[in-house]
PDB file of N, CA and C in Angstrom:
ATOM      1  N   MET A   1     -86.706  15.241 -66.902  1.00  0.00           N
ATOM      2  CA  MET A   1     -85.894  16.132 -67.714  1.00  0.00           C
ATOM      3  C   MET A   1     -86.510  16.329 -69.103  1.00  0.00           C
ATOM      4  N   ALA A   2     -87.099  15.252 -69.667  1.00  0.00           N
ATOM      5  CA  ALA A   2     -87.693  15.353 -70.997  1.00  0.00           C
ATOM      6  C   ALA A   2     -88.895  16.291 -70.991  1.00  0.00           C
ATOM      7  N   LYS A   3     -89.686  16.263 -69.909  1.00  0.00           N
ATOM      8  CA  LYS A   3     -90.842  17.157 -69.830  1.00  0.00           C
ATOM      9  C   LYS A   3     -90.407  18.613 -69.814  1.00  0.00           C
ATOM     10  N   ARG A   4     -89.306  18.892 -69.143  1.00  0.00           N
ATOM     11  CA  ARG A   4     -88.792  20.261 -69.098  1.00  0.00           C
ATOM     12  C   ARG A   4     -88.366  20.717 -70.491  1.00  0.00           C
ATOM     13  N   ALA A   5     -87.684  19.846 -71.227  1.00  0.00           N
ATOM     14  CA  ALA A   5     -87.256  20.190 -72.590  1.00  0.00           C
ATOM     15  C   ALA A   5     -88.463  20.384 -73.493  1.00  0.00           C
ATOM     16  N   ASP A   6     -89.468  19.523 -73.352  1.00  0.00           N
ATOM     17  CA  ASP A   6     -90.689  19.665 -74.151  1.00  0.00           C
ATOM     18  C   ASP A   6     -91.383  20.989 -73.848  1.00  0.00           C
ATOM     19  N   ALA A   7     -91.450  21.351 -72.570  1.00  0.00           N
ATOM     20  CA  ALA A   7     -92.092  22.610 -72.177  1.00  0.00           C
ATOM     21  C   ALA A   7     -91.316  23.802 -72.733  1.00  0.00           C
ATOM     22  N   LYS A   8     -89.996  23.723 -72.731  1.00  0.00           N
ATOM     23  CA  LYS A   8     -89.186  24.814 -73.279  1.00  0.00           C
ATOM     24  C   LYS A   8     -89.426  24.965 -74.778  1.00  0.00           C
ATOM     25  N   ARG A   9     -89.496  23.831 -75.483  1.00  0.00           N
ATOM     26  CA  ARG A   9     -89.762  23.886 -76.926  1.00  0.00           C
ATOM     27  C   ARG A   9     -91.141  24.474 -77.193  1.00  0.00           C
ATOM     28  N   ALA A  10     -92.118  24.057 -76.410  1.00  0.00           N
ATOM     29  CA  ALA A  10     -93.480  24.577 -76.586  1.00  0.00           C
ATOM     30  C   ALA A  10     -93.522  26.072 -76.302  1.00  0.00           C
ATOM     31  N   ASP A  11     -92.842  26.505 -75.252  1.00  0.00           N
ATOM     32  CA  ASP A  11     -92.792  27.936 -74.939  1.00  0.00           C
ATOM     33  C   ASP A  11     -92.110  28.717 -76.061  1.00  0.00           C
ATOM     34  N   ALA A  12     -91.023  28.163 -76.591  1.00  0.00           N
ATOM     35  CA  ALA A  12     -90.305  28.838 -77.674  1.00  0.00           C
ATOM     36  C   ALA A  12     -91.180  28.920 -78.919  1.00  0.00           C
ATOM     37  N   ALA A  13     -91.887  27.846 -79.246  1.00  0.00           N
ATOM     38  CA  ALA A  13     -92.766  27.842 -80.417  1.00  0.00           C
ATOM     39  C   ALA A  13     -93.890  28.851 -80.244  1.00  0.00           C
ATOM     40  N   SER A  14     -94.478  28.866 -79.072  1.00  0.00           N
ATOM     41  CA  SER A  14     -95.550  29.820 -78.790  1.00  0.00           C
ATOM     42  C   SER A  14     -95.046  31.255 -78.894  1.00  0.00           C
ATOM     43  N   ARG A  15     -93.850  31.499 -78.377  1.00  0.00           N
ATOM     44  CA  ARG A  15     -93.265  32.841 -78.432  1.00  0.00           C
ATOM     45  C   ARG A  15     -93.004  33.262 -79.874  1.00  0.00           C
ATOM     46  N   VAL A  16     -92.423  32.370 -80.662  1.00  0.00           N
ATOM     47  CA  VAL A  16     -92.119  32.691 -82.056  1.00  0.00           C
ATOM     48  C   VAL A  16     -93.401  32.984 -82.832  1.00  0.00           C
ATOM     49  N   LEU A  17     -94.416  32.140 -82.665  1.00  0.00           N
ATOM     50  CA  LEU A  17     -95.682  32.364 -83.361  1.00  0.00           C
ATOM     51  C   LEU A  17     -96.346  33.652 -82.885  1.00  0.00           C
ATOM     52  N   GLY A  18     -96.271  33.914 -81.587  1.00  0.00           N
ATOM     53  CA  GLY A  18     -96.839  35.151 -81.054  1.00  0.00           C
ATOM     54  C   GLY A  18     -96.150  36.387 -81.606  1.00  0.00           C
ATOM     55  N   GLU A  19     -94.828  36.341 -81.674  1.00  0.00           N
ATOM     56  CA  GLU A  19     -94.079  37.478 -82.208  1.00  0.00           C
ATOM     57  C   GLU A  19     -94.385  37.682 -83.693  1.00  0.00           C
ATOM     58  N   LEU A  20     -94.458  36.584 -84.441  1.00  0.00           N
ATOM     59  CA  LEU A  20     -94.782  36.688 -85.862  1.00  0.00           C
ATOM     60  C   LEU A  20     -96.187  37.253 -86.041  1.00  0.00           C
ATOM     61  N   PHE A  21     -97.123  36.809 -85.212  1.00  0.00           N
ATOM     62  CA  PHE A  21     -98.486  37.313 -85.292  1.00  0.00           C
ATOM     63  C   PHE A  21     -98.506  38.824 -85.040  1.00  0.00           C
ATOM     64  N   GLU A  22     -97.722  39.304 -84.085  1.00  0.00           N
ATOM     65  CA  GLU A  22     -97.653  40.744 -83.810  1.00  0.00           C
ATOM     66  C   GLU A  22     -97.135  41.509 -85.027  1.00  0.00           C
ATOM     67  N   VAL A  23     -96.143  40.966 -85.698  1.00  0.00           N
ATOM     68  CA  VAL A  23     -95.610  41.614 -86.907  1.00  0.00           C
ATOM     69  C   VAL A  23     -96.699  41.654 -87.985  1.00  0.00           C
ATOM     70  N   ILE A  24     -97.403  40.545 -88.150  1.00  0.00           N
ATOM     71  CA  ILE A  24     -98.482  40.492 -89.147  1.00  0.00           C
ATOM     72  C   ILE A  24     -99.552  41.525 -88.823  1.00  0.00           C
ATOM     73  N   GLU A  25     -99.953  41.593 -87.574  1.00  0.00           N
ATOM     74  CA  GLU A  25    -100.959  42.581 -87.167  1.00  0.00           C
ATOM     75  C   GLU A  25    -100.482  44.002 -87.463  1.00  0.00           C
ATOM     76  N   ALA A  26     -99.220  44.267 -87.191  1.00  0.00           N
ATOM     77  CA  ALA A  26     -98.677  45.612 -87.401  1.00  0.00           C
ATOM     78  C   ALA A  26     -98.611  45.976 -88.877  1.00  0.00           C
ATOM     79  N   ARG A  27     -98.438  44.998 -89.730  1.00  0.00           N
ATOM     80  CA  ARG A  27     -98.267  45.277 -91.165  1.00  0.00           C
ATOM     81  C   ARG A  27     -99.566  45.234 -91.960  1.00  0.00           C
ATOM     82  N   ARG A  28    -100.641  44.826 -91.339  1.00  0.00           N
ATOM     83  CA  ARG A  28    -101.913  44.708 -92.069  1.00  0.00           C
ATOM     84  C   ARG A  28    -102.311  46.012 -92.753  1.00  0.00           C
ATOM     85  N   GLY A  29    -102.102  47.122 -92.093  1.00  0.00           N
ATOM     86  CA  GLY A  29    -102.522  48.408 -92.650  1.00  0.00           C
ATOM     87  C   GLY A  29    -101.432  49.140 -93.396  1.00  0.00           C
ATOM     88  N   ALA A  30    -100.322  48.488 -93.646  1.00  0.00           N
ATOM     89  CA  ALA A  30     -99.206  49.133 -94.352  1.00  0.00           C
ATOM     90  C   ALA A  30     -99.537  49.275 -95.840  1.00  0.00           C
ATOM     91  N   ASP A  31     -98.640  49.879 -96.548  1.00  0.00           N
ATOM     92  CA  ASP A  31     -98.776  50.058 -97.992  1.00  0.00           C
ATOM     93  C   ASP A  31     -98.641  48.693 -98.675  1.00  0.00           C
ATOM     94  N   PRO A  32     -99.647  48.261 -99.406  1.00  0.00           N
ATOM     95  CA  PRO A  32     -99.585  46.956-100.085  1.00  0.00           C
ATOM     96  C   PRO A  32     -98.432  46.831-101.083  1.00  0.00           C
ATOM     97  N   ARG A  33     -97.903  47.962-101.540  1.00  0.00           N
ATOM     98  CA  ARG A  33     -96.749  47.908-102.451  1.00  0.00           C
ATOM     99  C   ARG A  33     -95.454  47.636-101.707  1.00  0.00           C
ATOM    100  N   ALA A  34     -95.474  47.807-100.375  1.00  0.00           N
ATOM    101  CA  ALA A  34     -94.256  47.648 -99.588  1.00  0.00           C
ATOM    102  C   ALA A  34     -94.316  46.472 -98.608  1.00  0.00           C
ATOM    103  N   SER A  35     -95.494  45.863 -98.466  1.00  0.00           N
ATOM    104  CA  SER A  35     -95.656  44.797 -97.479  1.00  0.00           C
ATOM    105  C   SER A  35     -96.489  43.655 -98.066  1.00  0.00           C
ATOM    106  N   TYR A  36     -95.936  42.459 -98.041  1.00  0.00           N
ATOM    107  CA  TYR A  36     -96.661  41.285 -98.531  1.00  0.00           C
ATOM    108  C   TYR A  36     -97.913  41.041 -97.693  1.00  0.00           C
ATOM    109  N   VAL A  37     -97.816  41.215 -96.374  1.00  0.00           N
ATOM    110  CA  VAL A  37     -98.975  41.038 -95.495  1.00  0.00           C
ATOM    111  C   VAL A  37    -100.073  42.028 -95.878  1.00  0.00           C
ATOM    112  N   ALA A  38     -99.716  43.285 -96.059  1.00  0.00           N
ATOM    113  CA  ALA A  38    -100.705  44.297 -96.443  1.00  0.00           C
ATOM    114  C   ALA A  38    -101.306  43.969 -97.803  1.00  0.00           C
ATOM    115  N   LYS A  39    -100.484  43.478 -98.724  1.00  0.00           N
ATOM    116  CA  LYS A  39    -100.976  43.104-100.054  1.00  0.00           C
ATOM    117  C   LYS A  39    -102.012  41.989 -99.935  1.00  0.00           C
ATOM    118  N   LEU A  40    -101.709  40.962 -99.149  1.00  0.00           N
ATOM    119  CA  LEU A  40    -102.677  39.878 -98.966  1.00  0.00           C
ATOM    120  C   LEU A  40    -103.981  40.397 -98.367  1.00  0.00           C
ATOM    121  N   HIS A  41    -103.874  41.224 -97.342  1.00  0.00           N
ATOM    122  CA  HIS A  41    -105.079  41.761 -96.701  1.00  0.00           C
ATOM    123  C   HIS A  41    -105.883  42.629 -97.666  1.00  0.00           C
ATOM    124  N   SER A  42    -105.193  43.357 -98.517  1.00  0.00           N
ATOM    125  CA  SER A  42    -105.914  44.211 -99.467  1.00  0.00           C
ATOM    126  C   SER A  42    -106.655  43.386-100.515  1.00  0.00           C
ATOM    127  N   GLU A  43    -106.207  42.158-100.739  1.00  0.00           N
ATOM    128  CA  GLU A  43    -106.840  41.290-101.729  1.00  0.00           C
ATOM    129  C   GLU A  43    -108.006  40.498-101.144  1.00  0.00           C
ATOM    130  N   GLY A  44    -108.145  40.527 -99.808  1.00  0.00           N
ATOM    131  CA  GLY A  44    -109.303  39.910 -99.170  1.00  0.00           C
ATOM    132  C   GLY A  44    -109.067  38.501 -98.646  1.00  0.00           C
ATOM    133  N   ARG A  45    -110.029  38.071 -97.849  1.00  0.00           N
ATOM    134  CA  ARG A  45    -109.919  36.783 -97.174  1.00  0.00           C
ATOM    135  C   ARG A  45    -109.872  35.612 -98.156  1.00  0.00           C
ATOM    136  N   ALA A  46    -110.588  35.698 -99.248  1.00  0.00           N
ATOM    137  CA  ALA A  46    -110.563  34.594-100.217  1.00  0.00           C
ATOM    138  C   ALA A  46    -109.143  34.374-100.751  1.00  0.00           C
ATOM    139  N   LYS A  47    -108.433  35.451-101.018  1.00  0.00           N
ATOM    140  CA  LYS A  47    -107.057  35.343-101.513  1.00  0.00           C
ATOM    141  C   LYS A  47    -106.143  34.781-100.417  1.00  0.00           C
ATOM    142  N   ILE A  48    -106.351  35.237 -99.192  1.00  0.00           N
ATOM    143  CA  ILE A  48    -105.554  34.716 -98.080  1.00  0.00           C
ATOM    144  C   ILE A  48    -105.798  33.216 -97.935  1.00  0.00           C
ATOM    145  N   ALA A  49    -107.057  32.804 -97.992  1.00  0.00           N
ATOM    146  CA  ALA A  49    -107.404  31.388 -97.881  1.00  0.00           C
ATOM    147  C   ALA A  49    -106.816  30.585 -99.047  1.00  0.00           C
ATOM    148  N   GLN A  50    -106.831  31.166-100.228  1.00  0.00           N
ATOM    149  CA  GLN A  50    -106.245  30.505-101.392  1.00  0.00           C
ATOM    150  C   GLN A  50    -104.754  30.257-101.164  1.00  0.00           C
ATOM    151  N   LYS A  51    -104.058  31.283-100.685  1.00  0.00           N
ATOM    152  CA  LYS A  51    -102.618  31.145-100.417  1.00  0.00           C
ATOM    153  C   LYS A  51    -102.372  30.082 -99.355  1.00  0.00           C
ATOM    154  N   LEU A  52    -103.203  30.042 -98.323  1.00  0.00           N
ATOM    155  CA  LEU A  52    -103.067  29.034 -97.281  1.00  0.00           C
ATOM    156  C   LEU A  52    -103.230  27.639 -97.889  1.00  0.00           C
ATOM    157  N   GLY A  53    -104.228  27.483 -98.745  1.00  0.00           N
ATOM    158  CA  GLY A  53    -104.440  26.198 -99.414  1.00  0.00           C
ATOM    159  C   GLY A  53    -103.261  25.791-100.281  1.00  0.00           C
ATOM    160  N   GLU A  54    -102.700  26.753-101.008  1.00  0.00           N
ATOM    161  CA  GLU A  54    -101.533  26.469-101.845  1.00  0.00           C
ATOM    162  C   GLU A  54    -100.365  25.982-100.995  1.00  0.00           C
ATOM    163  N   GLU A  55    -100.139  26.662 -99.868  1.00  0.00           N
ATOM    164  CA  GLU A  55     -99.027  26.275 -98.992  1.00  0.00           C
ATOM    165  C   GLU A  55     -99.274  24.900 -98.362  1.00  0.00           C
ATOM    166  N   ALA A  56    -100.540  24.611 -98.033  1.00  0.00           N
ATOM    167  CA  ALA A  56    -100.867  23.294 -97.485  1.00  0.00           C
ATOM    168  C   ALA A  56    -100.565  22.210 -98.515  1.00  0.00           C
ATOM    169  N   LEU A  57    -100.973  22.444 -99.752  1.00  0.00           N
ATOM    170  CA  LEU A  57    -100.720  21.471-100.815  1.00  0.00           C
ATOM    171  C   LEU A  57     -99.220  21.282-101.036  1.00  0.00           C
ATOM    172  N   GLU A  58     -98.471  22.370-101.053  1.00  0.00           N
ATOM    173  CA  GLU A  58     -97.024  22.270-101.238  1.00  0.00           C
ATOM    174  C   GLU A  58     -96.375  21.499-100.092  1.00  0.00           C
ATOM    175  N   THR A  59     -96.885  21.673 -98.886  1.00  0.00           N
ATOM    176  CA  THR A  59     -96.365  20.932 -97.740  1.00  0.00           C
ATOM    177  C   THR A  59     -96.659  19.444 -97.895  1.00  0.00           C
ATOM    178  N   VAL A  60     -97.884  19.131 -98.288  1.00  0.00           N
ATOM    179  CA  VAL A  60     -98.282  17.737 -98.483  1.00  0.00           C
ATOM    180  C   VAL A  60     -97.438  17.081 -99.574  1.00  0.00           C
ATOM    181  N   LEU A  61     -97.262  17.768-100.687  1.00  0.00           N
ATOM    182  CA  LEU A  61     -96.477  17.207-101.788  1.00  0.00           C
ATOM    183  C   LEU A  61     -95.035  16.952-101.365  1.00  0.00           C
ATOM    184  N   ALA A  62     -94.458  17.873-100.634  1.00  0.00           N
ATOM    185  CA  ALA A  62     -93.084  17.680-100.154  1.00  0.00           C
ATOM    186  C   ALA A  62     -93.009  16.474 -99.216  1.00  0.00           C
ATOM    187  N   ALA A  63     -94.028  16.304 -98.384  1.00  0.00           N
ATOM    188  CA  ALA A  63     -94.047  15.167 -97.450  1.00  0.00           C
ATOM    189  C   ALA A  63     -94.168  13.847 -98.203  1.00  0.00           C
ATOM    190  N   VAL A  64     -95.070  13.798 -99.179  1.00  0.00           N
ATOM    191  CA  VAL A  64     -95.280  12.571 -99.952  1.00  0.00           C
ATOM    192  C   VAL A  64     -94.018  12.210-100.733  1.00  0.00           C
ATOM    193  N   GLN A  65     -93.309  13.236-101.186  1.00  0.00           N
ATOM    194  CA  GLN A  65     -92.071  13.012-101.936  1.00  0.00           C
ATOM    195  C   GLN A  65     -90.874  12.801-101.014  1.00  0.00           C
ATOM    196  N   GLU A  66     -91.139  12.802 -99.709  1.00  0.00           N
ATOM    197  CA  GLU A  66     -90.106  12.571 -98.686  1.00  0.00           C
ATOM    198  C   GLU A  66     -88.931  13.536 -98.817  1.00  0.00           C
ATOM    199  N   ARG A  67     -89.269  14.799 -99.031  1.00  0.00           N
ATOM    200  CA  ARG A  67     -88.257  15.861 -99.117  1.00  0.00           C
ATOM    201  C   ARG A  67     -88.296  16.653 -97.813  1.00  0.00           C
ATOM    202  N   ARG A  68     -87.582  16.165 -96.836  1.00  0.00           N
ATOM    203  CA  ARG A  68     -87.632  16.702 -95.483  1.00  0.00           C
ATOM    204  C   ARG A  68     -87.376  18.202 -95.418  1.00  0.00           C
ATOM    205  N   ASP A  69     -86.313  18.660 -96.061  1.00  0.00           N
ATOM    206  CA  ASP A  69     -85.980  20.092 -96.018  1.00  0.00           C
ATOM    207  C   ASP A  69     -87.105  20.944 -96.605  1.00  0.00           C
ATOM    208  N   GLU A  70     -87.734  20.446 -97.665  1.00  0.00           N
ATOM    209  CA  GLU A  70     -88.853  21.177 -98.262  1.00  0.00           C
ATOM    210  C   GLU A  70     -90.062  21.175 -97.337  1.00  0.00           C
ATOM    211  N   VAL A  71     -90.273  20.075 -96.616  1.00  0.00           N
ATOM    212  CA  VAL A  71     -91.378  20.027 -95.651  1.00  0.00           C
ATOM    213  C   VAL A  71     -91.174  21.105 -94.595  1.00  0.00           C
ATOM    214  N   VAL A  72     -89.941  21.280 -94.140  1.00  0.00           N
ATOM    215  CA  VAL A  72     -89.644  22.315 -93.148  1.00  0.00           C
ATOM    216  C   VAL A  72     -89.965  23.696 -93.721  1.00  0.00           C
ATOM    217  N   CYS A  73     -89.476  23.994 -94.900  1.00  0.00           N
ATOM    218  CA  CYS A  73     -89.695  25.318 -95.510  1.00  0.00           C
ATOM    219  C   CYS A  73     -91.168  25.560 -95.815  1.00  0.00           C
ATOM    220  N   GLU A  74     -91.824  24.567 -96.391  1.00  0.00           N
ATOM    221  CA  GLU A  74     -93.239  24.730 -96.725  1.00  0.00           C
ATOM    222  C   GLU A  74     -94.094  24.826 -95.464  1.00  0.00           C
ATOM    223  N   SER A  75     -93.695  24.136 -94.411  1.00  0.00           N
ATOM    224  CA  SER A  75     -94.426  24.228 -93.139  1.00  0.00           C
ATOM    225  C   SER A  75     -94.330  25.637 -92.576  1.00  0.00           C
ATOM    226  N   ALA A  76     -93.168  26.255 -92.706  1.00  0.00           N
ATOM    227  CA  ALA A  76     -93.009  27.641 -92.250  1.00  0.00           C
ATOM    228  C   ALA A  76     -93.939  28.557 -93.049  1.00  0.00           C
ATOM    229  N   ASP A  77     -93.995  28.353 -94.366  1.00  0.00           N
ATOM    230  CA  ASP A  77     -94.902  29.150 -95.202  1.00  0.00           C
ATOM    231  C   ASP A  77     -96.358  28.913 -94.804  1.00  0.00           C
ATOM    232  N   LEU A  78     -96.696  27.657 -94.540  1.00  0.00           N
ATOM    233  CA  LEU A  78     -98.057  27.298 -94.144  1.00  0.00           C
ATOM    234  C   LEU A  78     -98.452  27.977 -92.840  1.00  0.00           C
ATOM    235  N   LEU A  79     -97.578  27.923 -91.841  1.00  0.00           N
ATOM    236  CA  LEU A  79     -97.863  28.580 -90.567  1.00  0.00           C
ATOM    237  C   LEU A  79     -97.995  30.090 -90.734  1.00  0.00           C
ATOM    238  N   PHE A  80     -97.119  30.679 -91.534  1.00  0.00           N
ATOM    239  CA  PHE A  80     -97.192  32.117 -91.776  1.00  0.00           C
ATOM    240  C   PHE A  80     -98.553  32.492 -92.360  1.00  0.00           C
ATOM    241  N   HIS A  81     -98.966  31.788 -93.406  1.00  0.00           N
ATOM    242  CA  HIS A  81    -100.234  32.122 -94.048  1.00  0.00           C
ATOM    243  C   HIS A  81    -101.432  31.820 -93.143  1.00  0.00           C
ATOM    244  N   LEU A  82    -101.306  30.815 -92.286  1.00  0.00           N
ATOM    245  CA  LEU A  82    -102.361  30.548 -91.308  1.00  0.00           C
ATOM    246  C   LEU A  82    -102.482  31.726 -90.339  1.00  0.00           C
ATOM    247  N   LEU A  83    -101.362  32.263 -89.891  1.00  0.00           N
ATOM    248  CA  LEU A  83    -101.383  33.430 -89.005  1.00  0.00           C
ATOM    249  C   LEU A  83    -101.978  34.649 -89.708  1.00  0.00           C
ATOM    250  N   VAL A  84    -101.686  34.805 -90.988  1.00  0.00           N
ATOM    251  CA  VAL A  84    -102.273  35.916 -91.751  1.00  0.00           C
ATOM    252  C   VAL A  84    -103.802  35.758 -91.788  1.00  0.00           C
ATOM    253  N   LEU A  85    -104.269  34.538 -92.000  1.00  0.00           N
ATOM    254  CA  LEU A  85    -105.712  34.280 -92.004  1.00  0.00           C
ATOM    255  C   LEU A  85    -106.325  34.561 -90.631  1.00  0.00           C
ATOM    256  N   TRP A  86    -105.659  34.086 -89.575  1.00  0.00           N
ATOM    257  CA  TRP A  86    -106.163  34.367 -88.220  1.00  0.00           C
ATOM    258  C   TRP A  86    -106.290  35.867 -87.996  1.00  0.00           C
ATOM    259  N   ALA A  87    -105.264  36.623 -88.377  1.00  0.00           N
ATOM    260  CA  ALA A  87    -105.301  38.077 -88.182  1.00  0.00           C
ATOM    261  C   ALA A  87    -106.479  38.683 -88.931  1.00  0.00           C
ATOM    262  N   ASP A  88    -106.683  38.242 -90.156  1.00  0.00           N
ATOM    263  CA  ASP A  88    -107.792  38.772 -90.951  1.00  0.00           C
ATOM    264  C   ASP A  88    -109.144  38.434 -90.329  1.00  0.00           C
ATOM    265  N   ALA A  89    -109.223  37.257 -89.698  1.00  0.00           N
ATOM    266  CA  ALA A  89    -110.482  36.808 -89.091  1.00  0.00           C
ATOM    267  C   ALA A  89    -110.646  37.287 -87.649  1.00  0.00           C
ATOM    268  N   GLY A  90    -109.649  38.012 -87.141  1.00  0.00           N
ATOM    269  CA  GLY A  90    -109.729  38.507 -85.768  1.00  0.00           C
ATOM    270  C   GLY A  90    -109.534  37.415 -84.726  1.00  0.00           C
ATOM    271  N   ILE A  91    -108.769  36.400 -85.077  1.00  0.00           N
ATOM    272  CA  ILE A  91    -108.502  35.278 -84.173  1.00  0.00           C
ATOM    273  C   ILE A  91    -107.065  35.401 -83.670  1.00  0.00           C
ATOM    274  N   ALA A  92    -106.912  35.446 -82.347  1.00  0.00           N
ATOM    275  CA  ALA A  92    -105.578  35.506 -81.745  1.00  0.00           C
ATOM    276  C   ALA A  92    -105.036  34.094 -81.566  1.00  0.00           C
ATOM    277  N   PRO A  93    -103.728  33.904 -81.720  1.00  0.00           N
ATOM    278  CA  PRO A  93    -103.146  32.575 -81.519  1.00  0.00           C
ATOM    279  C   PRO A  93    -103.530  31.947 -80.176  1.00  0.00           C
ATOM    280  N   ASP A  94    -103.642  32.763 -79.141  1.00  0.00           N
ATOM    281  CA  ASP A  94    -103.994  32.224 -77.829  1.00  0.00           C
ATOM    282  C   ASP A  94    -105.351  31.530 -77.839  1.00  0.00           C
ATOM    283  N   GLU A  95    -106.269  31.972 -78.694  1.00  0.00           N
ATOM    284  CA  GLU A  95    -107.569  31.314 -78.799  1.00  0.00           C
ATOM    285  C   GLU A  95    -107.408  29.886 -79.331  1.00  0.00           C
ATOM    286  N   VAL A  96    -106.546  29.738 -80.323  1.00  0.00           N
ATOM    287  CA  VAL A  96    -106.305  28.421 -80.907  1.00  0.00           C
ATOM    288  C   VAL A  96    -105.542  27.544 -79.912  1.00  0.00           C
ATOM    289  N   PHE A  97    -104.555  28.132 -79.247  1.00  0.00           N
ATOM    290  CA  PHE A  97    -103.801  27.369 -78.252  1.00  0.00           C
ATOM    291  C   PHE A  97    -104.714  26.899 -77.130  1.00  0.00           C
ATOM    292  N   ALA A  98    -105.654  27.740 -76.723  1.00  0.00           N
ATOM    293  CA  ALA A  98    -106.606  27.357 -75.672  1.00  0.00           C
ATOM    294  C   ALA A  98    -107.485  26.199 -76.133  1.00  0.00           C
ATOM    295  N   GLU A  99    -107.882  26.217 -77.391  1.00  0.00           N
ATOM    296  CA  GLU A  99    -108.680  25.108 -77.927  1.00  0.00           C
ATOM    297  C   GLU A  99    -107.872  23.814 -77.950  1.00  0.00           C
ATOM    298  N   LEU A 100    -106.617  23.919 -78.326  1.00  0.00           N
ATOM    299  CA  LEU A 100    -105.754  22.730 -78.297  1.00  0.00           C
ATOM    300  C   LEU A 100    -105.583  22.213 -76.869  1.00  0.00           C
ATOM    301  N   GLU A 101    -105.416  23.127 -75.942  1.00  0.00           N
ATOM    302  CA  GLU A 101    -105.294  22.754 -74.521  1.00  0.00           C
ATOM    303  C   GLU A 101    -106.574  22.059 -74.053  1.00  0.00           C
ATOM    304  N   ARG A 102    -107.715  22.567 -74.468  1.00  0.00           N
ATOM    305  CA  ARG A 102    -108.997  21.983 -74.083  1.00  0.00           C
ATOM    306  C   ARG A 102    -109.101  20.539 -74.575  1.00  0.00           C
ATOM    307  N   ARG A 103    -108.542  20.276 -75.729  1.00  0.00           N
ATOM    308  CA  ARG A 103    -108.625  18.939 -76.327  1.00  0.00           C
ATOM    309  C   ARG A 103    -107.572  17.973 -75.789  1.00  0.00           C
ATOM    310  N   LYS A 104    -106.593  18.488 -75.086  1.00  0.00           N
ATOM    311  CA  LYS A 104    -105.497  17.648 -74.605  1.00  0.00           C
ATOM    312  C   LYS A 104    -106.034  16.495 -73.755  1.00  0.00           C
ATOM    313  N   GLY A 105    -105.517  15.321 -74.023  1.00  0.00           N
ATOM    314  CA  GLY A 105    -105.923  14.154 -73.256  1.00  0.00           C
ATOM    315  C   GLY A 105    -107.145  13.438 -73.814  1.00  0.00           C
ATOM    316  N   ARG A 106    -107.772  14.019 -74.827  1.00  0.00           N
ATOM    317  CA  ARG A 106    -108.937  13.380 -75.459  1.00  0.00           C
ATOM    318  C   ARG A 106    -108.480  12.630 -76.705  1.00  0.00           C
ATOM    319  N   SER A 107    -109.110  11.545 -76.969  1.00  0.00           N
ATOM    320  CA  SER A 107    -108.863  10.819 -78.206  1.00  0.00           C
ATOM    321  C   SER A 107    -109.287  11.704 -79.367  1.00  0.00           C
ATOM    322  N   GLY A 108    -108.469  11.753 -80.388  1.00  0.00           N
ATOM    323  CA  GLY A 108    -108.833  12.518 -81.577  1.00  0.00           C
ATOM    324  C   GLY A 108    -110.097  11.987 -82.213  1.00  0.00           C
ATOM    325  N   LEU A 109    -110.300  10.682 -82.151  1.00  0.00           N
ATOM    326  CA  LEU A 109    -111.516  10.096 -82.718  1.00  0.00           C
ATOM    327  C   LEU A 109    -112.741  10.528 -81.924  1.00  0.00           C
ATOM    328  N   ASP A 110    -112.623  10.538 -80.588  1.00  0.00           N
ATOM    329  CA  ASP A 110    -113.746  10.981 -79.750  1.00  0.00           C
ATOM    330  C   ASP A 110    -114.029  12.459 -79.961  1.00  0.00           C
ATOM    331  N   GLU A 111    -112.972  13.261 -80.049  1.00  0.00           N
ATOM    332  CA  GLU A 111    -113.150  14.697 -80.236  1.00  0.00           C
ATOM    333  C   GLU A 111    -113.868  14.969 -81.549  1.00  0.00           C
ATOM    334  N   LYS A 112    -113.466  14.273 -82.589  1.00  0.00           N
ATOM    335  CA  LYS A 112    -114.076  14.489 -83.901  1.00  0.00           C
ATOM    336  C   LYS A 112    -115.559  14.107 -83.881  1.00  0.00           C
ATOM    337  N   LYS A 113    -115.918  13.039 -83.198  1.00  0.00           N
ATOM    338  CA  LYS A 113    -117.318  12.603 -83.097  1.00  0.00           C
ATOM    339  C   LYS A 113    -118.170  13.653 -82.367  1.00  0.00           C
ATOM    340  N   SER A 114    -117.543  14.377 -81.434  1.00  0.00           N
ATOM    341  CA  SER A 114    -118.303  15.324 -80.615  1.00  0.00           C
ATOM    342  C   SER A 114    -118.614  16.633 -81.326  1.00  0.00           C
ATOM    343  N   ARG A 115    -117.976  16.888 -82.454  1.00  0.00           N
ATOM    344  CA  ARG A 115    -118.197  18.138 -83.178  1.00  0.00           C
ATOM    345  C   ARG A 115    -119.569  18.164 -83.819  1.00  0.00           C
ATOM    346  N   LYS A 116    -120.134  19.347 -83.844  1.00  0.00           N
ATOM    347  CA  LYS A 116    -121.412  19.536 -84.515  1.00  0.00           C
ATOM    348  C   LYS A 116    -121.174  19.570 -86.019  1.00  0.00           C
ATOM    349  N   ARG A 117    -122.024  18.940 -86.732  1.00  0.00           N
ATOM    350  CA  ARG A 117    -121.934  18.968 -88.202  1.00  0.00           C
ATOM    351  C   ARG A 117    -122.471  20.290 -88.712  1.00  0.00           C
ATOM    352  N   LEU A 118    -121.825  20.837 -89.738  1.00  0.00           N
ATOM    353  CA  LEU A 118    -122.273  22.105 -90.329  1.00  0.00           C
ATOM    354  C   LEU A 118    -123.377  21.877 -91.318  1.00  0.00           C
TER     355      LEU A 118
END
């Protein structure tokens, strides 16, 4: 029964992220004065990456300060900005999900060792 509930949660999360990604894709070319997504895209990838970094830091700070509700809100902002970055880079969520699936069952330490150094 627990596996079924976990699968339902995963499906719901995937659906929500997919739907949000579609909205982001649709708004990329909108008027930057009327759409935050369009504004970010008009400012370029560096600005999008900066915003993602800011949201990551805010999430970390909320976690360290043990402010659960803020972690939830900042995590939502972090995921949103990550999706904006993916859209700008031409990366579909399914590509990332497939990579996560590929790594399933592997030790995180082993996976990290197997990566090529840049």
